[in-house]
Amino acid sequence: MSKTSTKGIWKVISASSMGTMIEWYDFYIFGSLAVVISTKFFPSDNPTAAFLSTLATFAAGFVVRPFGALFFGRLGDIIGRKYTFMATLLLMGGSTFLIGCIPSYETIGFLAPLLVLILRLLQGLALGGEYGGAATYVAEHAPVGQKGYWTSWIQTTATVGLFISLMVILATKSILSSEAFDVWGWRVPFWVSIAMVGVSYLIRKNMDESPVFAKAKKEGTTSANPLKESFGNRYNLKFVLLALFGATMGQGVVWYTGQFYAMSFMKTVMNVDSSQVDSLLGIALLLGTPFFIVFGWLSDKVGRKYIMMFGMLLAILFYRPIYKMMYNTTDISYKTEIVEKTTQSTETTKDNNKITTISKTFTDGTTYIQKKTDFSNAKESQTSTVININSSDEWTLIFLVFIQVLFVTMVYGPIAAFLVEMFPTKIRYTSMSLPYHVGNGIFGGLLPAISTYFVTHAKAAGKSDFYLDGLWYPIIIASICFVIGMIYVDNKNKTNHL
């Protein structure tokens, strides 16, 4: 492609973005439905353990992403970008569809969580190969000096995928009764993905290979052993490690805190109604998504480094104040209860389980429902709480999540161009994929499970601000990355590799 021409690049972006968006959609419906899935594929006698097991299964998909990056990155540098990320698309889509087909734990026992784990691992492998291919494909079509702007469109796909997953879940919940959704409707979002995958496959099938890779292949300058050249060469390995510890590690934890931990925190720690959380998160994502493009474009003008580092610094400084404000927004101890509207009822199920329901209403319109189930055949009881917040509190939470999404756009908007520019064509797919997926898949992907564990442990220890303990993980990781990045990362955008 010429140094200034943008002819045909929208077609390239559409093909790359749609496939990547679908893969993120597939990945996130599992996380978005974690609370429901924990009751379907795991033993129901210990809800906390089931939820943690679901998060661990979700995290397993992230942990294998670096292996997918190595496997598919090598293929992409040998046979080409196009065919490799067509394969990742089909693998991801097939795995997602099949998760929606697995019988419940009550039907097939421990085979259910085992099958889910296997399919999650396949999803992770596929996603490990997808992102590097899409980012490389777009960057190798983009004009010199505009890599940040054009690759930032790819960066929106993760957020758009999450947004669409939330919208499909909300639409399914609105069409079906809560009982139907709980019994079988939760499977629908998994099934829907197969149609989107089919459309994306047809689009990608008709695309040409990246002109930069095609030229390298014609000249015989592609790599015969991308893995050895990427990681066996000390000079190149230095850049791989710098990309990880000076950029993607911090970017990963900021991304998952702002977009995924925020959702988990509101549902499981603040006990806000699930549909309300999905709605307000969707609005915050919609408002924040354009800033991926803004910061990608700005990075072409002022450099990638300082935008990403500033985003990390803001996250480090403001996460705890933001989450304290979020928690206090729905804390009923700060609200005035309308005592005469408080009700309590008790019912006994056919299994002789005793369910006690307490309903409270507050002067600001907030409602609180707590259900306590005493099982006839177990010593432990199960308590669930749902808080429906008023419109004012909802907009407060939208704003606080939007601020976190802004941090995400600062660190994530320029990262694709930053990584692509670090490595030469013949090993680019392999070299950029590994640090990206270790940073996002391991450091970022483990965040929900680790942070939830910290919060649960702090709550059991009786700490008054237990809900903030989960933030120490992203703050510490982002702080280390910030220091390394500020000292060792170069702010000049490289063009010699493209």
Protein backbone atom coordinates (compact mmCIF):
# COMPACT_ATOMS: atom_id res chain seq x y z
CA MET A 1 0.00 0.00 0.00
CA SER A 2 1.25 3.50 -0.73
CA LYS A 3 2.43 5.77 2.03
CA THR A 4 -0.60 8.04 1.79
CA SER A 5 -3.40 6.04 0.14
CA THR A 6 -6.33 4.84 2.22
CA LYS A 7 -8.17 3.25 -0.69
CA GLY A 8 -9.90 0.05 0.39
CA ILE A 9 -8.84 0.36 4.01
CA TRP A 10 -12.43 0.55 5.30
CA LYS A 11 -13.06 -2.84 3.74
CA VAL A 12 -9.95 -4.15 5.50
CA ILE A 13 -11.08 -2.67 8.82
CA SER A 14 -14.60 -4.05 8.40
CA ALA A 15 -13.34 -7.57 7.73
CA SER A 16 -10.85 -7.44 10.62
CA SER A 17 -13.09 -5.62 13.09
CA MET A 18 -16.20 -7.69 12.58
CA GLY A 19 -14.39 -10.97 13.15
CA THR A 20 -12.52 -9.63 16.18
CA MET A 21 -15.71 -8.12 17.60
CA ILE A 22 -17.48 -11.48 17.28
CA GLU A 23 -14.63 -13.27 19.01
CA TRP A 24 -14.75 -10.81 21.90
CA TYR A 25 -18.55 -11.18 22.00
CA ASP A 26 -18.12 -14.95 22.23
CA PHE A 27 -15.56 -14.55 24.98
CA TYR A 28 -17.60 -12.10 27.05
CA ILE A 29 -21.02 -13.74 27.07
CA PHE A 30 -19.44 -16.40 29.26
CA GLY A 31 -18.17 -13.77 31.71
CA SER A 32 -21.39 -11.73 31.56
CA LEU A 33 -23.44 -14.82 32.40
CA ALA A 34 -20.99 -16.12 35.02
CA VAL A 35 -23.53 -15.81 37.84
CA VAL A 36 -26.10 -17.91 35.91
CA ILE A 37 -23.55 -20.37 34.51
CA SER A 38 -22.23 -21.09 38.02
CA THR A 39 -25.64 -22.59 38.88
CA LYS A 40 -25.81 -24.72 35.71
CA PHE A 41 -22.40 -26.34 35.32
CA PHE A 42 -21.23 -26.60 38.94
CA PRO A 43 -22.63 -28.17 42.17
CA SER A 44 -25.30 -25.91 43.68
CA ASP A 45 -24.72 -26.71 47.36
CA ASN A 46 -22.00 -24.02 47.70
CA PRO A 47 -22.87 -20.92 45.58
CA THR A 48 -19.69 -19.00 46.47
CA ALA A 49 -17.44 -21.92 45.46
CA ALA A 50 -19.50 -22.41 42.28
CA PHE A 51 -19.12 -18.74 41.33
CA LEU A 52 -15.37 -18.79 42.04
CA SER A 53 -15.08 -21.99 39.97
CA THR A 54 -16.88 -20.25 37.10
CA LEU A 55 -14.48 -17.30 37.31
CA ALA A 56 -11.55 -19.73 37.38
CA THR A 57 -12.91 -21.44 34.24
CA PHE A 58 -13.31 -18.01 32.65
CA ALA A 59 -9.72 -17.19 33.64
CA ALA A 60 -8.49 -20.50 32.16
CA GLY A 61 -9.48 -19.20 28.73
CA PHE A 62 -7.22 -16.21 29.32
CA VAL A 63 -4.28 -18.25 30.60
CA VAL A 64 -4.02 -20.29 27.38
CA ARG A 65 -4.16 -17.22 25.15
CA PRO A 66 -0.33 -16.90 25.03
CA PHE A 67 -0.16 -20.48 23.70
CA GLY A 68 -2.68 -19.54 21.02
CA ALA A 69 -0.51 -16.51 20.25
CA LEU A 70 2.53 -18.74 19.73
CA PHE A 71 0.71 -21.39 17.68
CA PHE A 72 -1.32 -19.09 15.43
CA GLY A 73 1.35 -16.35 15.41
CA ARG A 74 3.79 -18.84 13.92
CA LEU A 75 1.22 -19.88 11.30
CA GLY A 76 0.48 -16.24 10.49
CA ASP A 77 4.15 -15.46 9.87
CA ILE A 78 4.58 -18.58 7.69
CA ILE A 79 1.37 -19.02 5.67
CA GLY A 80 -0.11 -15.53 5.98
CA ARG A 81 -2.38 -13.30 8.05
CA LYS A 82 -5.64 -13.94 6.18
CA TYR A 83 -5.95 -17.73 6.44
CA THR A 84 -4.74 -17.84 10.01
CA PHE A 85 -7.33 -15.51 11.41
CA MET A 86 -10.05 -17.23 9.38
CA ALA A 87 -9.15 -20.41 11.29
CA THR A 88 -9.28 -18.62 14.66
CA LEU A 89 -12.72 -17.25 13.83
CA LEU A 90 -14.18 -20.69 13.12
CA LEU A 91 -12.56 -22.25 16.20
CA MET A 92 -13.92 -19.53 18.48
CA GLY A 93 -17.41 -19.57 16.97
CA GLY A 94 -17.72 -23.36 17.11
CA SER A 95 -16.58 -23.51 20.74
CA THR A 96 -19.03 -20.81 21.79
CA PHE A 97 -21.98 -22.48 20.08
CA LEU A 98 -21.16 -25.81 21.75
CA ILE A 99 -21.00 -24.23 25.25
CA GLY A 100 -24.65 -23.34 24.70
CA CYS A 101 -25.40 -27.01 23.97
CA ILE A 102 -23.80 -28.66 27.02
CA PRO A 103 -26.29 -30.32 29.41
CA SER A 104 -26.35 -29.07 33.00
CA TYR A 105 -24.48 -30.50 36.00
CA GLU A 106 -27.73 -32.09 37.21
CA THR A 107 -27.95 -34.05 33.94
CA ILE A 108 -24.38 -35.22 33.27
CA GLY A 109 -22.55 -34.47 36.53
CA PHE A 110 -18.87 -33.52 36.50
CA LEU A 111 -18.71 -34.01 32.75
CA ALA A 112 -20.48 -30.63 32.43
CA PRO A 113 -17.75 -28.44 34.00
CA LEU A 114 -15.09 -30.55 32.24
CA LEU A 115 -16.63 -29.92 28.78
CA VAL A 116 -17.05 -26.22 29.57
CA LEU A 117 -13.39 -26.01 30.59
CA ILE A 118 -12.23 -27.72 27.36
CA LEU A 119 -14.29 -25.37 25.19
CA ARG A 120 -13.08 -22.34 27.18
CA LEU A 121 -9.50 -23.44 26.52
CA LEU A 122 -10.25 -23.70 22.79
CA GLN A 123 -11.80 -20.22 22.91
CA GLY A 124 -8.65 -18.89 24.57
CA LEU A 125 -6.39 -20.50 21.97
CA ALA A 126 -8.45 -18.98 19.16
CA LEU A 127 -8.48 -15.50 20.71
CA GLY A 128 -4.73 -15.77 21.22
CA GLY A 129 -4.30 -15.97 17.46
CA GLU A 130 -7.02 -13.53 16.46
CA TYR A 131 -5.91 -10.17 17.80
CA GLY A 132 -2.35 -10.22 16.47
CA GLY A 133 -3.64 -11.18 13.03
CA ALA A 134 -6.26 -8.45 12.90
CA ALA A 135 -3.97 -5.69 14.21
CA THR A 136 -1.13 -6.73 11.91
CA TYR A 137 -3.46 -7.01 8.90
CA VAL A 138 -4.83 -3.48 9.38
CA ALA A 139 -1.44 -1.90 10.21
CA GLU A 140 0.12 -3.41 7.09
CA HIS A 141 -2.62 -1.79 4.99
CA ALA A 142 -2.52 1.61 6.74
CA PRO A 143 -0.53 4.60 5.42
CA VAL A 144 2.67 5.63 7.18
CA GLY A 145 2.01 8.11 9.99
CA GLN A 146 -1.59 6.95 10.46
CA LYS A 147 -1.09 3.54 12.07
CA GLY A 148 -2.46 4.70 15.45
CA TYR A 149 -5.66 6.07 13.94
CA TRP A 150 -6.48 3.10 11.69
CA THR A 151 -5.53 0.35 14.17
CA SER A 152 -7.56 2.09 16.90
CA TRP A 153 -10.67 0.94 15.05
CA ILE A 154 -9.59 -2.61 15.90
CA GLN A 155 -9.25 -1.52 19.53
CA THR A 156 -12.95 -0.64 19.67
CA THR A 157 -13.93 -4.22 18.86
CA ALA A 158 -13.33 -5.60 22.35
CA THR A 159 -15.60 -2.94 23.88
CA VAL A 160 -18.17 -3.27 21.09
CA GLY A 161 -18.13 -7.05 21.56
CA LEU A 162 -18.80 -6.63 25.27
CA PHE A 163 -21.51 -4.05 24.53
CA ILE A 164 -23.28 -6.34 22.03
CA SER A 165 -23.03 -9.30 24.42
CA LEU A 166 -24.79 -7.20 27.08
CA MET A 167 -27.46 -6.07 24.60
CA VAL A 168 -28.16 -9.64 23.39
CA ILE A 169 -28.46 -10.82 26.99
CA LEU A 170 -30.80 -7.92 27.87
CA ALA A 171 -32.92 -8.54 24.76
CA THR A 172 -33.19 -12.26 25.58
CA LYS A 173 -34.19 -11.45 29.18
CA SER A 174 -36.83 -8.97 28.02
CA ILE A 175 -38.39 -11.44 25.56
CA LEU A 176 -38.42 -14.43 27.92
CA SER A 177 -39.76 -14.76 31.45
CA SER A 178 -37.17 -14.89 34.22
CA GLU A 179 -38.01 -18.58 34.74
CA ALA A 180 -37.54 -19.41 31.04
CA PHE A 181 -34.27 -17.48 30.90
CA ASP A 182 -32.98 -19.32 33.95
CA VAL A 183 -33.96 -22.74 32.57
CA TRP A 184 -32.83 -22.43 28.92
CA GLY A 185 -32.83 -18.79 27.73
CA TRP A 186 -29.26 -18.17 28.96
CA ARG A 187 -28.14 -20.49 26.14
CA VAL A 188 -29.53 -18.21 23.40
CA PRO A 189 -26.61 -15.69 23.38
CA PHE A 190 -24.22 -18.62 22.81
CA TRP A 191 -26.30 -19.89 19.89
CA VAL A 192 -26.66 -16.44 18.29
CA SER A 193 -22.91 -16.19 17.71
CA ILE A 194 -22.87 -18.91 15.05
CA ALA A 195 -24.86 -16.72 12.61
CA MET A 196 -22.48 -13.79 13.10
CA VAL A 197 -19.48 -16.05 12.60
CA GLY A 198 -20.91 -17.26 9.28
CA VAL A 199 -21.28 -13.71 7.97
CA SER A 200 -17.80 -12.72 9.10
CA TYR A 201 -16.26 -15.83 7.54
CA LEU A 202 -17.76 -14.98 4.14
CA ILE A 203 -16.38 -11.41 4.39
CA ARG A 204 -12.88 -12.55 5.35
CA LYS A 205 -12.85 -15.27 2.70
CA ASN A 206 -13.04 -12.63 -0.05
CA MET A 207 -10.22 -10.44 1.32
CA ASP A 208 -6.70 -10.32 -0.12
CA GLU A 209 -3.54 -11.08 1.85
CA SER A 210 -1.73 -8.17 3.54
CA PRO A 211 0.33 -6.34 0.85
CA VAL A 212 3.37 -6.13 3.16
CA PHE A 213 3.33 -9.88 3.86
CA ALA A 214 2.58 -10.73 0.21
CA LYS A 215 5.60 -8.64 -0.83
CA ALA A 216 7.84 -10.35 1.76
CA LYS A 217 6.66 -13.78 0.63
CA LYS A 218 7.27 -12.92 -3.04
CA GLU A 219 10.79 -11.72 -2.19
CA GLY A 220 11.46 -14.81 -0.07
CA THR A 221 12.10 -12.81 3.11
CA THR A 222 9.50 -14.50 5.34
CA SER A 223 10.73 -16.42 8.37
CA ALA A 224 11.14 -20.21 8.29
CA ASN A 225 11.12 -20.35 12.11
CA PRO A 226 9.29 -17.33 13.61
CA LEU A 227 9.42 -18.72 17.15
CA LYS A 228 13.21 -19.07 17.11
CA GLU A 229 13.73 -15.66 15.51
CA SER A 230 11.28 -13.98 17.90
CA PHE A 231 12.44 -15.45 21.19
CA GLY A 232 15.80 -17.07 20.44
CA ASN A 233 17.25 -13.77 19.26
CA ARG A 234 18.33 -11.80 22.33
CA TYR A 235 17.89 -8.44 20.59
CA ASN A 236 14.29 -9.19 19.59
CA LEU A 237 13.51 -10.91 22.92
CA LYS A 238 14.45 -7.67 24.69
CA PHE A 239 11.69 -5.85 22.80
CA VAL A 240 9.19 -8.65 23.51
CA LEU A 241 9.88 -8.36 27.26
CA LEU A 242 9.78 -4.56 27.12
CA ALA A 243 6.42 -4.67 25.31
CA LEU A 244 5.08 -6.95 28.07
CA PHE A 245 6.43 -5.34 31.24
CA GLY A 246 6.49 -1.76 29.96
CA ALA A 247 3.09 -1.63 28.24
CA THR A 248 0.71 -4.60 27.91
CA MET A 249 0.90 -5.78 31.53
CA GLY A 250 -0.44 -2.46 32.83
CA GLN A 251 -2.79 -2.03 29.88
CA GLY A 252 -4.27 -5.46 30.59
CA VAL A 253 -5.19 -4.80 34.23
CA VAL A 254 -6.55 -1.32 33.46
CA TRP A 255 -8.70 -2.78 30.67
CA TYR A 256 -10.21 -5.55 32.80
CA THR A 257 -10.72 -3.35 35.84
CA GLY A 258 -12.56 -0.66 33.89
CA GLN A 259 -14.76 -2.91 31.82
CA PHE A 260 -15.06 -6.28 33.48
CA TYR A 261 -14.25 -5.98 37.17
CA ALA A 262 -16.57 -2.96 37.35
CA MET A 263 -19.44 -5.17 36.16
CA SER A 264 -18.57 -8.03 38.54
CA PHE A 265 -18.16 -5.56 41.43
CA MET A 266 -21.59 -4.00 40.91
CA LYS A 267 -23.33 -7.38 40.62
CA THR A 268 -21.61 -9.40 43.35
CA VAL A 269 -20.29 -6.82 45.86
CA MET A 270 -22.80 -3.98 45.53
CA ASN A 271 -25.67 -6.43 44.78
CA VAL A 272 -27.19 -4.18 42.11
CA ASP A 273 -29.82 -5.84 39.93
CA SER A 274 -28.11 -7.66 37.04
CA SER A 275 -30.21 -6.06 34.28
CA GLN A 276 -29.57 -2.58 35.68
CA VAL A 277 -25.83 -3.25 35.73
CA ASP A 278 -25.89 -4.46 32.11
CA SER A 279 -27.85 -1.36 31.04
CA LEU A 280 -25.68 1.22 32.79
CA LEU A 281 -22.47 -0.51 31.73
CA GLY A 282 -23.75 -0.54 28.13
CA ILE A 283 -24.39 3.21 28.25
CA ALA A 284 -20.93 3.91 29.74
CA LEU A 285 -19.27 1.77 27.05
CA LEU A 286 -21.25 3.49 24.30
CA LEU A 287 -20.14 6.92 25.56
CA GLY A 288 -16.52 5.87 25.99
CA THR A 289 -15.88 3.86 22.81
CA PRO A 290 -15.21 6.86 20.47
CA PHE A 291 -12.23 7.79 22.64
CA PHE A 292 -10.34 4.70 21.40
CA ILE A 293 -10.25 6.47 18.03
CA VAL A 294 -9.39 9.84 19.61
CA PHE A 295 -6.37 8.52 21.51
CA GLY A 296 -5.26 6.31 18.61
CA TRP A 297 -5.30 9.38 16.34
CA LEU A 298 -3.56 11.51 19.00
CA SER A 299 -0.81 8.91 19.37
CA ASP A 300 0.11 9.51 15.69
CA LYS A 301 0.74 13.16 16.60
CA VAL A 302 2.40 13.04 20.03
CA GLY A 303 3.62 9.42 20.34
CA ARG A 304 2.17 6.30 21.93
CA LYS A 305 4.12 6.17 25.19
CA TYR A 306 2.92 9.18 27.15
CA ILE A 307 -0.76 8.64 26.35
CA MET A 308 -0.59 5.05 27.61
CA MET A 309 1.50 5.91 30.67
CA PHE A 310 -0.81 8.80 31.63
CA GLY A 311 -3.81 6.47 31.42
CA MET A 312 -2.08 4.01 33.77
CA LEU A 313 -1.15 6.78 36.20
CA LEU A 314 -4.73 8.08 36.38
CA ALA A 315 -5.97 4.55 37.06
CA ILE A 316 -3.39 4.02 39.82
CA LEU A 317 -4.37 7.29 41.54
CA PHE A 318 -8.15 7.20 41.17
CA TYR A 319 -9.30 3.55 41.31
CA ARG A 320 -9.81 3.47 45.08
CA PRO A 321 -11.69 6.82 45.29
CA ILE A 322 -13.88 5.80 42.31
CA TYR A 323 -14.81 2.41 43.76
CA LYS A 324 -15.47 3.91 47.18
CA MET A 325 -17.93 6.33 45.56
CA MET A 326 -19.52 3.45 43.62
CA TYR A 327 -20.01 1.37 46.77
CA ASN A 328 -21.37 4.29 48.81
CA THR A 329 -23.86 5.13 46.05
CA THR A 330 -25.89 1.98 46.81
CA ASP A 331 -24.97 1.47 50.47
CA ILE A 332 -28.36 1.27 52.21
CA SER A 333 -26.83 2.39 55.52
CA TYR A 334 -26.73 5.89 53.99
CA LYS A 335 -30.40 5.73 52.92
CA THR A 336 -33.64 6.33 54.85
CA GLU A 337 -35.91 3.31 55.05
CA ILE A 338 -39.71 3.64 54.76
CA VAL A 339 -40.46 1.33 57.69
CA GLU A 340 -44.17 0.87 56.99
CA LYS A 341 -43.32 -0.59 53.55
CA THR A 342 -40.94 -3.21 54.93
CA THR A 343 -42.27 -6.76 54.55
CA GLN A 344 -41.07 -10.19 55.59
CA SER A 345 -42.45 -13.51 54.42
CA THR A 346 -41.48 -17.15 54.86
CA GLU A 347 -42.31 -20.12 52.66
CA THR A 348 -41.38 -23.78 52.72
CA THR A 349 -40.59 -25.55 49.46
CA LYS A 350 -41.56 -29.12 48.58
CA ASP A 351 -37.98 -30.10 49.54
CA ASN A 352 -38.61 -28.65 53.03
CA ASN A 353 -36.21 -25.77 52.37
CA LYS A 354 -37.21 -22.64 54.27
CA ILE A 355 -37.04 -19.38 52.26
CA THR A 356 -37.29 -16.07 54.14
CA THR A 357 -37.77 -12.93 52.02
CA ILE A 358 -37.25 -9.42 53.38
CA SER A 359 -38.29 -6.47 51.20
CA LYS A 360 -37.39 -2.86 51.96
CA THR A 361 -38.13 0.46 50.25
CA PHE A 362 -36.19 3.69 50.78
CA THR A 363 -37.21 7.33 50.44
CA ASP A 364 -35.01 7.87 47.36
CA GLY A 365 -36.78 5.07 45.44
CA THR A 366 -34.20 2.34 46.07
CA THR A 367 -35.64 -1.12 46.75
CA TYR A 368 -33.92 -3.96 48.58
CA ILE A 369 -34.86 -7.65 48.50
CA GLN A 370 -33.01 -10.28 50.51
CA LYS A 371 -33.76 -13.99 50.26
CA LYS A 372 -32.34 -16.41 52.80
CA THR A 373 -32.66 -20.12 52.10
CA ASP A 374 -32.20 -22.62 54.93
CA PHE A 375 -31.63 -26.03 53.36
CA SER A 376 -33.25 -28.98 55.10
CA ASN A 377 -30.34 -31.31 54.29
CA ALA A 378 -27.45 -28.90 55.01
CA LYS A 379 -26.20 -26.85 57.95
CA GLU A 380 -25.33 -23.85 55.80
CA SER A 381 -27.85 -21.32 54.52
CA GLN A 382 -27.73 -19.31 51.29
CA THR A 383 -28.44 -15.58 51.18
CA SER A 384 -28.97 -13.52 48.03
CA THR A 385 -29.52 -9.76 47.89
CA VAL A 386 -30.79 -7.65 45.00
CA ILE A 387 -30.85 -3.85 45.07
CA ASN A 388 -32.80 -1.87 42.46
CA ILE A 389 -31.33 1.63 42.31
CA ASN A 390 -33.03 4.89 41.39
CA SER A 391 -32.33 6.90 38.23
CA SER A 392 -30.01 9.38 39.96
CA ASP A 393 -27.81 6.64 41.40
CA GLU A 394 -27.83 4.89 38.03
CA TRP A 395 -26.42 7.98 36.28
CA THR A 396 -23.82 8.38 39.04
CA LEU A 397 -22.61 4.84 38.38
CA ILE A 398 -22.68 5.42 34.61
CA PHE A 399 -20.38 8.42 35.09
CA LEU A 400 -18.00 6.54 37.40
CA VAL A 401 -17.75 3.59 34.97
CA PHE A 402 -17.34 6.02 32.04
CA ILE A 403 -14.29 7.56 33.79
CA GLN A 404 -12.78 4.07 34.04
CA VAL A 405 -13.53 3.44 30.36
CA LEU A 406 -11.63 6.65 29.53
CA PHE A 407 -8.58 5.23 31.32
CA VAL A 408 -9.05 2.09 29.19
CA THR A 409 -9.16 4.07 25.93
CA MET A 410 -5.93 5.87 26.82
CA VAL A 411 -3.94 2.69 27.43
CA TYR A 412 -5.66 0.54 24.80
CA GLY A 413 -6.26 2.93 21.89
CA PRO A 414 -2.57 3.25 20.85
CA ILE A 415 -1.39 -0.24 21.90
CA ALA A 416 -1.90 -2.04 18.55
CA ALA A 417 0.18 0.47 16.59
CA PHE A 418 2.76 0.50 19.40
CA LEU A 419 3.19 -3.29 19.22
CA VAL A 420 3.10 -3.59 15.42
CA GLU A 421 5.83 -0.96 15.04
CA MET A 422 8.19 -2.76 17.43
CA PHE A 423 8.77 -5.81 15.21
CA PRO A 424 9.77 -6.56 11.58
CA THR A 425 7.28 -8.05 9.09
CA LYS A 426 8.64 -11.59 9.04
CA ILE A 427 8.10 -12.19 12.78
CA ARG A 428 5.54 -9.49 13.58
CA TYR A 429 2.48 -11.72 14.10
CA THR A 430 4.37 -13.99 16.53
CA SER A 431 6.38 -11.31 18.34
CA MET A 432 3.53 -8.88 19.05
CA SER A 433 0.95 -11.55 19.90
CA LEU A 434 2.83 -13.07 22.84
CA PRO A 435 3.37 -9.94 24.99
CA TYR A 436 -0.15 -8.75 24.19
CA HIS A 437 -1.77 -11.99 25.31
CA VAL A 438 0.45 -12.52 28.35
CA GLY A 439 -0.35 -8.96 29.45
CA ASN A 440 -4.06 -9.23 28.74
CA GLY A 441 -4.66 -12.97 29.05
CA ILE A 442 -2.70 -13.66 32.22
CA PHE A 443 -2.20 -10.36 34.08
CA GLY A 444 -5.55 -9.00 32.93
CA GLY A 445 -7.56 -12.20 32.64
CA LEU A 446 -6.76 -13.40 36.15
CA LEU A 447 -7.96 -10.10 37.62
CA PRO A 448 -11.65 -11.01 38.25
CA ALA A 449 -10.74 -14.22 40.09
CA ILE A 450 -7.86 -12.69 42.11
CA SER A 451 -9.74 -9.50 43.00
CA THR A 452 -12.89 -11.41 43.96
CA TYR A 453 -10.76 -13.62 46.22
CA PHE A 454 -9.18 -10.56 47.88
CA VAL A 455 -12.60 -9.01 48.51
CA THR A 456 -14.05 -12.27 49.90
CA HIS A 457 -11.03 -12.75 52.18
CA ALA A 458 -11.15 -9.14 53.43
CA LYS A 459 -14.89 -9.41 54.11
CA ALA A 460 -14.38 -12.64 56.09
CA ALA A 461 -11.66 -10.86 58.10
CA GLY A 462 -14.17 -8.14 59.04
CA LYS A 463 -12.51 -5.19 57.28
CA SER A 464 -14.84 -2.21 56.95
CA ASP A 465 -13.52 -1.27 53.50
CA PHE A 466 -13.27 -4.90 52.32
CA TYR A 467 -14.72 -3.96 48.93
CA LEU A 468 -11.57 -1.98 48.03
CA ASP A 469 -9.10 -4.82 48.61
CA GLY A 470 -9.67 -6.26 45.13
CA LEU A 471 -8.12 -3.11 43.63
CA TRP A 472 -4.66 -3.72 45.06
CA TYR A 473 -3.91 -6.22 42.28
CA PRO A 474 -4.48 -3.84 39.31
CA ILE A 475 -2.90 -0.90 41.16
CA ILE A 476 0.32 -2.80 41.94
CA ILE A 477 0.64 -4.33 38.44
CA ALA A 478 -0.08 -0.99 36.72
CA SER A 479 2.42 0.79 39.00
CA ILE A 480 5.24 -1.63 38.10
CA CYS A 481 4.40 -1.29 34.41
CA PHE A 482 4.29 2.52 34.66
CA VAL A 483 7.78 2.70 36.17
CA ILE A 484 9.29 0.32 33.59
CA GLY A 485 7.49 2.02 30.71
CA MET A 486 8.52 5.53 31.71
CA ILE A 487 12.18 4.53 32.02
CA TYR A 488 12.69 2.18 29.07
CA VAL A 489 9.95 2.65 26.44
CA ASP A 490 10.76 4.99 23.52
CA ASN A 491 8.10 7.60 22.69
CA LYS A 492 9.07 7.84 18.99
CA ASN A 493 6.70 6.03 16.65
CA LYS A 494 8.76 3.65 14.52
CA THR A 495 8.07 3.38 10.79
CA ASN A 496 11.12 1.47 9.62
CA HIS A 497 9.47 -1.90 10.25
CA LEU A 498 6.44 -1.13 8.11
